[in-house]
Amino acid sequence: MRESVLHFVWKNRLFKPLLLKTFDGKPIEILHPGYQNHDSGPDFQNARIRIDGQLWAGNIEIHVHASQWRLHGHHLDQAYKNVVLHVVHTVDIPPTDPNEPPILELKGYLEPEIVNKAENLLSSADEIACSNQIKNVDTETKRAMISRAAIERLEHKYQEKAKVLEAIDYDYHKWLLVEVFNAFGLKANTQPMQSLAMRVPLYKVVQLADERLSIEALLYGLASLLPDKQVDDYTEKLIREFYYLKAKFQIDDCLPAHMWKFHRIQPVSFPTIRLSQVAALLMRWDELVHTVFKKPNLEHLKKLLSVEASSYWNRHYRFGVPSEREFPKKVGNDLIHRILINAIIPLMIGFGKNMDNLDYQNIALEWLEHLPSENNRVIRSMTTYGFPNKSALESQGLLQLRNFYCVKKKCLFCSIGYKIIKS
């Protein structure tokens, strides 16, 4: 018997509805099992119970064996002085100290079928423990759990991104810049992109909004991606412009060139291409800020993000190295959706939380429902088991469900697991 199963049974009151009695024979009524505590201290807090007619409010501690109370040193720990009931599976050693909380032995009140189903899920060797039973769970339950998981994932993303916001003294425009740069970097170049964004003098760049070459020169120069010497007319102009801007803006902190990755990524995702696309987006910066923070509009945001690298990159992936094919390097729908899902939507949720405005969070969730589902190995695998996946909200939920519930065997915290155990 796992202690986690006892927690699950207690939280959901999945024991036989008989007249409960403490180990010493006093009738007990559970008015409220309390709220599960995932930190240190008693397992459940703010419970309400009635023992022998006396109302008690306090904490609940749960163990498999009664002897674990003393084994864990709770009798000496002040954090456990407000425990009003000690819930155990088995009283292996009868209590002798009258100052210890009364004991409820659940062994005789448990439903064997429920316990067995819970234990089977937790002991399953399958990555998705419920893979054989998921088909029997109704779609409404699955969708509700996936939506819950998606919101958790967005909250986790915001908590991570909030560290950046704090580091830049709650400058929301700079925060947007950092997150957009991160998204353009994809997985391979996220770190250098973030470092570059932190170096970009945003409010000086905005003044260059009509001068694309200047913005590109500043980005390539700060990124240390410019060639040491001119290799063609375009690079000559970039180098000359960067040295002018470097002196004008007093720039002396450029990114080390070795941070950038070109190996094992598609050429269209090379940082040289992405920075030219980012430069095009910076020319629309005021409009982007307005569309995110002032008047959110999904379709207009998609159009703003649909930028194209400058014409030089139609025939290049690296400076001075012409390619065989010529075609424009425009940001495609897949990248636009990634930027929205991984950067802008979590940022909007964080902005709404900080401004105490739920409208932004509701808009962000609505956008996720309208964006198409992502397509990667994990999501494809989850859909083969019968999980619904009709939107980006559900694909985000599936990622959270798999990584934070299924893989970690948190079946007892999952609505789908609860449904299977109860069925």
Foldseek 3Di string as FASTA:
>chain_A
DDQVLVVLCLQVVQWAPDQFAFPVGWTKAWPHSAPADPDDAAGGFQTWMATNNRIATTGEHEDQEPVVCVVVPVVVDPSCQRHQEYEYQYHPDDDDDPSDHIYGHRVVTHDVLLSVLLVQLLPDPDLFSCLVPLVVDDQVQLVVLLLVLLVVLLVVLLVVLVVVCVVVVNPLLLSLQLLLQLLLLPPLQNVLSNVLSVQDPLVVLLVCLVPLLLQLLCSCVLQVQQDPDALDPSSVSSPVSNVVVCVVVVDDHHHPNVSADDPPDDLLSGPNFSSQQVSNLSSCSVVLCCCQPPNPDVVVNLVSSFGWGPQVCQQDSGPNDGHPGGDISTDDPLSSVSSLSNGRLSSQVSVCVVVVHCVSPVVSLVVQAVAADDDDDQLVVVVVSPRDGGTPSSNSSSVSCSPPDSNVVVLSVTSSSVVSSVD
